[in-house]
């Protein structure tokens, strides 16, 4: 049986044990009177005097093991996870990993992702990064290389595509009134609607379980091909809506969508995608024209996939193609599928269900749920996204012009064999939700 004093210091590090042993040995050598005197120093005080404060490694060892966080890595304690740095005005603010809830109208922008060094095409991220620098959230010298701030978008949107629930993750200085200051440096058609703290290793793209998109279009798109595509008096009846939704429901489940993107072969495993739901809602009127909104939720989408899913259903509903083309499109044959215009496409919401289940209730991090922001999201769509789609459609008639191209597609012609690059190898296409676009 070890003496009590030995058991008491066990686990505090070899250096500390040796120091205590040396101090106690000296104390006993000087006699009990020295230890019992009123001005005596305790063994702990002598230890500090002789050996100094225990180093950080000893402190961590004595504190016990750390909790393991995202991805099995050791999660830093909250206090040590906060790095304080000086902002442009000389004040110190904590720099933490956060996510921003972003809403924007895509009209006038060449997509979400910025092209560093190119000022020819303006993107959403160009304006966002500029606003972050001007508001004092990130250092000015990091604006050109956002990797230094661990910046990651959840989904990339193409030219003209809007978003009501885009998520970006990055490290920021948590300045006072942060959302107000960021938005004051953004144009009206881009808004940061929310901010939440996340784990240090969080990546908005990799941690996303699913994405929900909507597609707004004039209901004349579902009218029979014999009807004039510019007939603004057309109204969608219940039977046609049921027929359209029956076609959209065929997409549910896992299918091979190699025909719904470019440069993917039929045997490419990444072409298999899981669709959770897809349906068209009840029609409504805007400026004398009837519209409807299609909603689709899936784990991930490839470039142009959603627009081709919508385009093929329109072709079948109007009578240009038979329903059997859907089954053939998932096979190895190459099928000609029309791509609907990008105007009505909106990134509605991104989902983080697994992350929320693991970290949402740990008492430190917040669940990535934006229920409190729903009114602001709805108001932004009504003020900026829907009016832009309606007005652009009425002025440019993108859907009308596209529908006139449907007769030139040959839905019965097929070609076998994988799509191949020039060197004969199958080539992949970037995901819409990563570095590609829809």
Protein backbone atom coordinates (compact mmCIF):
# COMPACT_ATOMS: atom_id res chain seq x y z
CA UNK A 1 0.00 0.00 0.00
CA UNK A 2 1.51 3.34 -1.11
CA UNK A 3 1.65 6.23 1.40
CA UNK A 4 -1.18 8.77 1.17
CA UNK A 5 1.05 11.59 -0.02
CA UNK A 6 2.27 9.44 -2.93
CA UNK A 7 -1.28 8.56 -3.97
CA UNK A 8 -2.29 12.23 -3.74
CA UNK A 9 0.24 13.35 -6.30
CA UNK A 10 -0.15 10.44 -8.67
CA UNK A 11 -1.06 11.43 -12.20
CA UNK A 12 0.22 15.00 -11.93
CA UNK A 13 3.33 14.38 -13.95
CA UNK A 14 6.76 12.96 -13.23
CA UNK A 15 8.42 16.35 -12.85
CA UNK A 16 5.92 17.48 -10.20
CA UNK A 17 6.28 14.22 -8.27
CA UNK A 18 10.08 14.52 -8.16
CA UNK A 19 9.87 18.14 -7.06
CA UNK A 20 7.46 17.34 -4.20
CA UNK A 21 9.61 14.46 -3.08
CA UNK A 22 12.69 16.68 -2.98
CA UNK A 23 10.88 19.42 -1.06
CA UNK A 24 9.47 17.01 1.52
CA UNK A 25 12.86 15.43 1.99
CA UNK A 26 14.38 18.85 2.73
CA UNK A 27 11.55 19.69 5.11
CA UNK A 28 12.02 16.58 7.20
CA UNK A 29 15.77 17.13 7.29
CA UNK A 30 15.24 20.59 8.86
CA UNK A 31 13.14 19.09 11.66
CA UNK A 32 9.56 19.17 12.78
CA UNK A 33 10.01 22.46 14.61
CA UNK A 34 10.62 24.22 11.31
CA UNK A 35 7.43 22.72 9.88
CA UNK A 36 5.31 23.57 12.96
CA UNK A 37 6.46 27.18 13.35
CA UNK A 38 3.86 29.95 12.76
CA UNK A 39 5.77 31.24 9.78
CA UNK A 40 6.13 27.86 8.16
CA UNK A 41 5.76 27.38 4.42
CA UNK A 42 3.56 24.59 3.17
CA UNK A 43 4.93 21.87 0.92
CA UNK A 44 2.82 23.35 -1.88
CA UNK A 45 4.37 26.79 -1.37
CA UNK A 46 7.87 25.34 -1.21
CA UNK A 47 7.14 23.41 -4.38
CA UNK A 48 6.17 26.61 -6.19
CA UNK A 49 9.26 28.36 -4.82
CA UNK A 50 11.64 25.60 -5.84
CA UNK A 51 10.04 24.35 -9.04
CA UNK A 52 7.85 27.21 -10.26
CA UNK A 53 4.30 26.86 -11.57
CA UNK A 54 3.53 23.53 -13.28
CA UNK A 55 3.75 23.85 -17.04
CA UNK A 56 0.72 23.79 -19.33
CA UNK A 57 1.20 20.14 -20.26
CA UNK A 58 1.09 19.14 -16.54
CA UNK A 59 -2.05 21.24 -16.04
CA UNK A 60 -3.78 19.57 -19.00
CA UNK A 61 -2.78 16.14 -17.70
CA UNK A 62 -4.17 16.89 -14.26
CA UNK A 63 -7.41 18.27 -15.70
CA UNK A 64 -8.18 14.92 -17.34
CA UNK A 65 -8.99 13.99 -20.94
CA UNK A 66 -10.69 16.39 -23.33
CA UNK A 67 -13.99 15.67 -25.03
CA UNK A 68 -13.74 14.49 -28.59
CA UNK A 69 -15.66 16.61 -31.03
CA UNK A 70 -16.47 16.76 -34.72
CA UNK A 71 -14.81 13.99 -36.74
CA UNK A 72 -13.21 12.36 -33.69
CA UNK A 73 -10.71 15.19 -33.14
CA UNK A 74 -9.99 16.49 -29.68
CA UNK A 75 -12.33 19.42 -29.10
CA UNK A 76 -10.69 22.48 -27.57
CA UNK A 77 -12.28 23.92 -24.45
CA UNK A 78 -14.53 26.88 -25.12
CA UNK A 79 -12.28 29.40 -23.34
CA UNK A 80 -9.14 28.37 -25.18
CA UNK A 81 -11.05 28.07 -28.46
CA UNK A 82 -11.53 31.82 -28.59
CA UNK A 83 -8.64 33.61 -30.21
CA UNK A 84 -8.47 37.33 -29.52
CA UNK A 85 -6.97 39.58 -32.16
CA UNK A 86 -6.95 43.28 -32.76
CA UNK A 87 -9.37 44.63 -35.35
CA UNK A 88 -8.68 47.59 -37.59
CA UNK A 89 -9.68 50.06 -34.84
CA UNK A 90 -7.27 48.51 -32.34
CA UNK A 91 -9.94 46.84 -30.18
CA UNK A 92 -9.67 43.18 -29.31
CA UNK A 93 -12.49 40.86 -30.35
CA UNK A 94 -12.82 37.06 -30.14
CA UNK A 95 -12.43 35.24 -33.44
CA UNK A 96 -14.75 32.26 -33.65
CA UNK A 97 -16.06 29.76 -36.18
CA UNK A 98 -19.59 30.72 -37.20
CA UNK A 99 -22.14 30.20 -39.96
CA UNK A 100 -23.99 33.00 -41.73
CA UNK A 101 -27.50 32.64 -43.12
CA UNK A 102 -27.45 34.40 -46.48
CA UNK A 103 -30.31 35.45 -48.78
CA UNK A 104 -29.85 37.07 -52.19
CA UNK A 105 -31.42 37.75 -55.55
CA UNK A 106 -29.16 36.35 -58.26
CA UNK A 107 -30.15 38.83 -60.98
CA UNK A 108 -27.14 40.81 -62.13
CA UNK A 109 -24.62 38.44 -60.54
CA UNK A 110 -22.50 35.74 -62.18
CA UNK A 111 -23.22 33.16 -59.51
CA UNK A 112 -22.19 32.74 -55.88
CA UNK A 113 -18.49 31.83 -56.03
CA UNK A 114 -15.98 34.64 -56.45
CA UNK A 115 -13.20 34.60 -59.01
CA UNK A 116 -10.23 36.14 -57.21
CA UNK A 117 -8.26 38.45 -59.49
CA UNK A 118 -11.11 38.86 -61.99
CA UNK A 119 -13.29 41.96 -61.81
CA UNK A 120 -15.07 41.27 -65.08
CA UNK A 121 -17.84 39.15 -63.55
CA UNK A 122 -19.37 40.29 -60.25
CA UNK A 123 -20.44 37.52 -57.85
CA UNK A 124 -22.31 37.33 -54.54
CA UNK A 125 -19.13 36.45 -52.66
CA UNK A 126 -17.35 39.52 -54.04
CA UNK A 127 -19.87 41.79 -52.32
CA UNK A 128 -20.01 39.62 -49.18
CA UNK A 129 -16.23 39.61 -48.63
CA UNK A 130 -16.03 43.35 -49.26
CA UNK A 131 -18.74 43.91 -46.64
CA UNK A 132 -16.96 41.68 -44.11
CA UNK A 133 -13.73 43.66 -44.53
CA UNK A 134 -15.44 47.07 -44.37
CA UNK A 135 -17.42 46.12 -41.26
CA UNK A 136 -14.26 44.98 -39.47
CA UNK A 137 -15.15 41.28 -39.24
CA UNK A 138 -12.03 40.01 -41.02
CA UNK A 139 -8.55 41.46 -41.65
CA UNK A 140 -8.24 43.39 -44.88
CA UNK A 141 -5.26 41.29 -46.02
CA UNK A 142 -7.37 38.12 -45.70
CA UNK A 143 -10.03 39.34 -48.12
CA UNK A 144 -8.06 38.11 -51.13
CA UNK A 145 -7.59 34.64 -49.63
CA UNK A 146 -10.62 33.57 -47.61
CA UNK A 147 -9.05 30.18 -46.92
CA UNK A 148 -7.24 31.97 -44.10
CA UNK A 149 -10.66 32.49 -42.53
CA UNK A 150 -11.73 28.85 -43.24
CA UNK A 151 -14.42 30.15 -45.64
CA UNK A 152 -16.72 27.55 -47.19
CA UNK A 153 -20.05 27.96 -48.97
CA UNK A 154 -22.67 25.21 -48.61
CA UNK A 155 -23.79 25.32 -52.24
CA UNK A 156 -22.64 27.12 -55.33
CA UNK A 157 -25.35 28.78 -57.37
CA UNK A 158 -24.99 29.69 -61.04
CA UNK A 159 -25.58 32.96 -62.87
CA UNK A 160 -28.99 34.42 -62.11
CA UNK A 161 -29.87 31.80 -59.45
CA UNK A 162 -31.16 33.17 -56.13
CA UNK A 163 -31.05 31.88 -52.56
CA UNK A 164 -33.24 32.28 -49.49
CA UNK A 165 -31.24 29.99 -47.21
CA UNK A 166 -27.60 29.84 -48.33
CA UNK A 167 -25.10 28.98 -45.57
CA UNK A 168 -21.42 29.92 -45.41
CA UNK A 169 -19.01 28.93 -42.62
CA UNK A 170 -15.96 30.95 -41.65
CA UNK A 171 -14.00 32.51 -38.78
CA UNK A 172 -14.98 36.05 -37.83
CA UNK A 173 -14.18 38.70 -35.27
CA UNK A 174 -17.37 38.91 -33.24
CA UNK A 175 -17.71 42.68 -33.28
CA UNK A 176 -20.60 44.57 -31.70
CA UNK A 177 -23.83 44.79 -33.77
CA UNK A 178 -22.21 42.48 -36.29
CA UNK A 179 -25.25 41.75 -38.52
CA UNK A 180 -26.21 45.41 -38.76
CA UNK A 181 -22.67 46.42 -39.71
CA UNK A 182 -22.32 43.69 -42.35
CA UNK A 183 -25.70 44.49 -43.93
CA UNK A 184 -24.97 48.21 -43.96
CA UNK A 185 -22.12 47.44 -46.37
CA UNK A 186 -24.19 45.13 -48.63
CA UNK A 187 -26.54 46.04 -51.50
CA UNK A 188 -30.29 45.59 -50.75
CA UNK A 189 -30.53 42.36 -52.82
CA UNK A 190 -28.02 40.61 -50.51
CA UNK A 191 -28.72 40.15 -46.80
CA UNK A 192 -27.17 38.25 -43.89
CA UNK A 193 -30.22 37.17 -41.87
CA UNK A 194 -28.60 35.11 -39.12
CA UNK A 195 -25.40 34.03 -37.38
CA UNK A 196 -24.71 30.99 -35.20
CA UNK A 197 -21.64 29.59 -33.47
CA UNK A 198 -20.42 26.16 -34.71
CA UNK A 199 -17.65 23.70 -33.83
CA UNK A 200 -14.09 24.54 -34.82
CA UNK A 201 -13.96 21.84 -37.50
CA UNK A 202 -17.34 22.64 -39.05
CA UNK A 203 -17.52 22.75 -42.86
CA UNK A 204 -20.83 23.95 -44.32
CA UNK A 205 -20.51 21.82 -47.46
CA UNK A 206 -19.37 18.56 -45.88
CA UNK A 207 -21.73 18.68 -42.90
CA UNK A 208 -24.84 19.34 -44.98
CA UNK A 209 -27.27 16.37 -45.08
CA UNK A 210 -29.59 17.67 -47.80
CA UNK A 211 -30.57 20.71 -49.86
CA UNK A 212 -33.99 22.03 -50.76
CA UNK A 213 -34.46 24.04 -53.96
CA UNK A 214 -37.55 25.68 -55.41
CA UNK A 215 -38.27 26.50 -59.04
CA UNK A 216 -40.81 29.21 -59.87
CA UNK A 217 -42.32 29.16 -63.35
CA UNK A 218 -45.43 30.31 -65.27
CA UNK A 219 -48.04 27.56 -65.37
CA UNK A 220 -48.35 27.90 -69.14
CA UNK A 221 -45.31 25.60 -69.13
CA UNK A 222 -47.64 22.67 -68.33
CA UNK A 223 -50.26 23.53 -70.96
CA UNK A 224 -50.70 21.28 -74.05
CA UNK A 225 -48.28 22.04 -76.88
CA UNK A 226 -51.17 23.10 -79.13
CA UNK A 227 -51.82 26.13 -76.92
CA UNK A 228 -50.02 29.43 -77.58
CA UNK A 229 -47.08 29.69 -75.16
CA UNK A 230 -47.81 33.40 -74.64
CA UNK A 231 -51.45 32.92 -73.65
CA UNK A 232 -51.53 34.79 -70.31
CA UNK A 233 -55.15 33.73 -69.69
CA UNK A 234 -54.19 30.08 -69.14
CA UNK A 235 -54.95 28.67 -65.69
CA UNK A 236 -53.70 25.34 -64.37
CA UNK A 237 -56.53 22.90 -63.60
CA UNK A 238 -56.45 20.28 -60.83
CA UNK A 239 -56.21 17.33 -63.22
CA UNK A 240 -53.11 18.75 -64.92
CA UNK A 241 -51.51 19.58 -61.55
CA UNK A 242 -52.12 16.00 -60.37
CA UNK A 243 -50.58 14.67 -63.58
CA UNK A 244 -47.52 16.93 -63.17
CA UNK A 245 -47.03 15.84 -59.56
CA UNK A 246 -47.35 12.19 -60.56
CA UNK A 247 -44.46 12.76 -62.98
CA UNK A 248 -42.35 14.59 -60.39
CA UNK A 249 -42.92 11.77 -57.87
CA UNK A 250 -41.16 9.39 -60.29
CA UNK A 251 -37.88 11.10 -59.36
CA UNK A 252 -38.13 10.10 -55.69
CA UNK A 253 -35.55 7.55 -54.54
CA UNK A 254 -32.08 6.77 -55.87
CA UNK A 255 -31.52 6.97 -59.63
CA UNK A 256 -28.67 7.26 -62.09
CA UNK A 257 -28.82 10.91 -63.23
CA UNK A 258 -25.91 10.82 -65.69
CA UNK A 259 -28.23 12.14 -68.43
CA UNK A 260 -29.15 15.14 -66.30
CA UNK A 261 -25.68 16.68 -66.26
CA UNK A 262 -22.66 16.85 -68.57
CA UNK A 263 -19.45 14.83 -68.75
CA UNK A 264 -20.64 11.97 -66.52
CA UNK A 265 -20.72 8.43 -67.78
CA UNK A 266 -23.57 6.03 -66.95
CA UNK A 267 -21.27 3.87 -64.82
CA UNK A 268 -19.89 6.75 -62.80
CA UNK A 269 -20.94 6.04 -59.17
CA UNK A 270 -21.20 9.77 -58.42
CA UNK A 271 -24.08 10.07 -60.91
CA UNK A 272 -26.36 8.16 -58.52
CA UNK A 273 -28.33 10.68 -56.46
CA UNK A 274 -31.05 10.33 -53.81
CA UNK A 275 -34.17 12.50 -54.14
CA UNK A 276 -36.35 12.74 -51.03
CA UNK A 277 -39.28 14.72 -52.40
CA UNK A 278 -40.37 16.69 -55.45
CA UNK A 279 -43.76 18.30 -56.08
CA UNK A 280 -45.45 21.37 -57.56
CA UNK A 281 -47.54 23.59 -55.29
CA UNK A 282 -50.85 25.34 -55.89
CA UNK A 283 -50.79 28.09 -58.56
CA UNK A 284 -51.02 31.81 -57.75
CA UNK A 285 -51.18 35.03 -59.76
CA UNK A 286 -48.59 37.79 -60.11
CA UNK A 287 -49.18 40.80 -62.36
CA UNK A 288 -51.93 39.02 -64.30
CA UNK A 289 -49.81 35.91 -64.98
CA UNK A 290 -50.24 32.58 -63.20
CA UNK A 291 -47.18 31.00 -61.55
CA UNK A 292 -46.43 27.89 -59.49
CA UNK A 293 -43.47 26.80 -57.35
CA UNK A 294 -41.84 23.37 -57.60
CA UNK A 295 -40.03 22.14 -54.48
CA UNK A 296 -37.32 19.45 -54.57
CA UNK A 297 -35.25 18.07 -51.69
CA UNK A 298 -32.24 15.79 -52.19
CA UNK A 299 -28.97 14.84 -50.58
CA UNK A 300 -27.02 16.67 -53.29
CA UNK A 301 -27.40 17.76 -56.90
CA UNK A 302 -25.14 17.85 -59.93
CA UNK A 303 -24.67 20.72 -62.33
CA UNK A 304 -27.93 21.43 -64.25
CA UNK A 305 -29.63 18.40 -62.68
CA UNK A 306 -32.65 20.23 -61.27
CA UNK A 307 -33.21 22.30 -64.39
CA UNK A 308 -33.17 19.13 -66.53
CA UNK A 309 -35.52 17.33 -64.13
CA UNK A 310 -37.98 20.19 -64.52
CA UNK A 311 -37.37 20.43 -68.28
CA UNK A 312 -38.14 16.76 -68.94
CA UNK A 313 -41.40 16.82 -66.95
CA UNK A 314 -42.50 19.92 -68.90
CA UNK A 315 -41.73 18.13 -72.18
CA UNK A 316 -43.82 15.10 -71.10
CA UNK A 317 -46.67 17.23 -69.70
CA UNK A 318 -46.92 19.25 -72.94
CA UNK A 319 -46.91 16.10 -75.08
CA UNK A 320 -43.49 16.36 -76.72
CA UNK A 321 -42.23 13.16 -75.02
CA UNK A 322 -43.75 10.00 -73.60
CA UNK A 323 -43.46 9.09 -69.92
CA UNK A 324 -41.24 6.13 -70.82
CA UNK A 325 -38.39 8.56 -71.48
CA UNK A 326 -38.03 8.89 -67.70
CA UNK A 327 -37.17 5.19 -67.34
CA UNK A 328 -34.75 5.34 -70.27
CA UNK A 329 -33.04 8.43 -68.86
CA UNK A 330 -31.87 6.40 -65.83
CA UNK A 331 -30.39 3.65 -67.98
CA UNK A 332 -27.05 3.55 -69.78
CA UNK A 333 -28.38 5.07 -73.01
CA UNK A 334 -27.68 8.70 -73.78
CA UNK A 335 -31.01 10.57 -73.78
CA UNK A 336 -31.59 14.11 -75.01
CA UNK A 337 -33.03 16.07 -72.05
CA UNK A 338 -33.91 19.78 -72.35
CA UNK A 339 -32.58 22.15 -69.68
CA UNK A 340 -35.13 24.62 -68.29
CA UNK A 341 -34.04 28.26 -67.80
CA UNK A 342 -32.13 29.15 -64.63
CA UNK A 343 -34.25 32.20 -63.81
CA UNK A 344 -36.75 30.57 -61.43
CA UNK A 345 -34.28 28.43 -59.47
CA UNK A 346 -33.83 29.30 -55.77
CA UNK A 347 -31.73 27.61 -53.07
CA UNK A 348 -34.44 27.47 -50.43
CA UNK A 349 -32.85 25.69 -47.48
CA UNK A 350 -29.90 23.54 -46.45
CA UNK A 351 -30.21 20.84 -43.79
CA UNK A 352 -27.80 19.82 -40.99
CA UNK A 353 -29.80 17.14 -39.18
CA UNK A 354 -26.86 14.95 -38.11
CA UNK A 355 -24.88 17.92 -36.86
CA UNK A 356 -27.87 19.24 -34.92
CA UNK A 357 -28.43 15.86 -33.29
CA UNK A 358 -24.83 15.64 -32.12
CA UNK A 359 -23.99 19.21 -31.18
CA UNK A 360 -27.27 21.15 -31.09
CA UNK A 361 -27.96 20.28 -27.47
CA UNK A 362 -24.46 20.22 -26.00
CA UNK A 363 -24.95 23.50 -24.15
CA UNK A 364 -22.17 25.24 -26.07
CA UNK A 365 -23.21 25.25 -29.73
CA UNK A 366 -26.55 26.14 -31.27
CA UNK A 367 -28.64 23.91 -33.50
CA UNK A 368 -28.60 25.14 -37.10
CA UNK A 369 -32.30 25.81 -37.14
CA UNK A 370 -33.59 29.08 -38.55
CA UNK A 371 -37.19 29.02 -37.32
CA UNK A 372 -36.84 32.45 -35.73
CA UNK A 373 -35.64 33.88 -39.04
CA UNK A 374 -38.51 32.45 -41.14
CA UNK A 375 -40.45 35.73 -41.21
CA UNK A 376 -37.37 37.63 -42.42
CA UNK A 377 -36.70 34.96 -45.06
CA UNK A 378 -40.29 35.11 -46.32
CA UNK A 379 -40.20 38.92 -46.39
CA UNK A 380 -36.95 38.93 -48.36
CA UNK A 381 -38.38 36.53 -50.95
CA UNK A 382 -41.51 38.65 -51.34
CA UNK A 383 -39.50 41.87 -51.67
CA UNK A 384 -36.52 40.79 -53.77
CA UNK A 385 -36.63 37.24 -55.19
CA UNK A 386 -40.19 36.68 -56.45
CA UNK A 387 -40.65 40.18 -57.95
CA UNK A 388 -37.32 39.82 -59.77
CA UNK A 389 -38.33 36.45 -61.24
CA UNK A 390 -41.78 37.71 -62.30
CA UNK A 391 -40.52 40.97 -63.77
CA UNK A 392 -37.64 39.33 -65.63
CA UNK A 393 -39.92 36.65 -67.06
CA UNK A 394 -42.42 39.23 -68.27
CA UNK A 395 -39.69 41.36 -69.83
CA UNK A 396 -37.35 38.72 -71.24
CA UNK A 397 -39.80 35.80 -71.62
CA UNK A 398 -37.08 33.24 -70.88
CA UNK A 399 -39.55 30.40 -70.28
CA UNK A 400 -41.58 31.28 -73.38
CA UNK A 401 -38.47 31.36 -75.55
CA UNK A 402 -37.23 28.08 -74.11
CA UNK A 403 -40.57 26.30 -74.71
CA UNK A 404 -40.32 27.17 -78.39
CA UNK A 405 -37.13 25.06 -78.58
CA UNK A 406 -38.82 21.87 -77.33
CA UNK A 407 -39.88 20.62 -80.80
CA UNK A 408 -36.25 20.43 -81.94
CA UNK A 409 -35.38 17.82 -79.26
CA UNK A 410 -35.48 14.17 -80.32
CA UNK A 411 -36.62 12.33 -77.19
CA UNK A 412 -36.72 8.93 -78.90
CA UNK A 413 -33.16 8.99 -80.25
CA UNK A 414 -30.58 7.31 -78.02
CA UNK A 415 -26.87 6.62 -78.10
CA UNK A 416 -25.18 3.86 -76.11
CA UNK A 417 -21.86 4.05 -74.35
CA UNK A 418 -20.38 6.22 -71.68
CA UNK A 419 -19.60 9.84 -72.25
CA UNK A 420 -15.87 10.04 -72.53
CA UNK A 421 -13.18 12.66 -72.65
CA UNK A 422 -10.71 12.94 -75.51
CA UNK A 423 -8.26 10.56 -73.92
CA UNK A 424 -10.96 7.91 -73.64
CA UNK A 425 -11.40 8.13 -69.89
CA UNK A 426 -14.69 8.92 -68.22
CA UNK A 427 -14.68 12.39 -66.78
CA UNK A 428 -16.61 13.67 -63.81
CA UNK A 429 -18.59 16.82 -63.42
CA UNK A 430 -18.45 19.06 -60.40
CA UNK A 431 -21.39 18.91 -58.02
CA UNK A 432 -23.86 21.75 -57.94
CA UNK A 433 -23.43 21.80 -54.16
CA UNK A 434 -19.67 22.07 -54.28
CA UNK A 435 -17.61 23.61 -57.00
CA UNK A 436 -20.13 23.16 -59.77
CA UNK A 437 -23.43 24.92 -60.27
CA UNK A 438 -27.02 24.48 -61.29
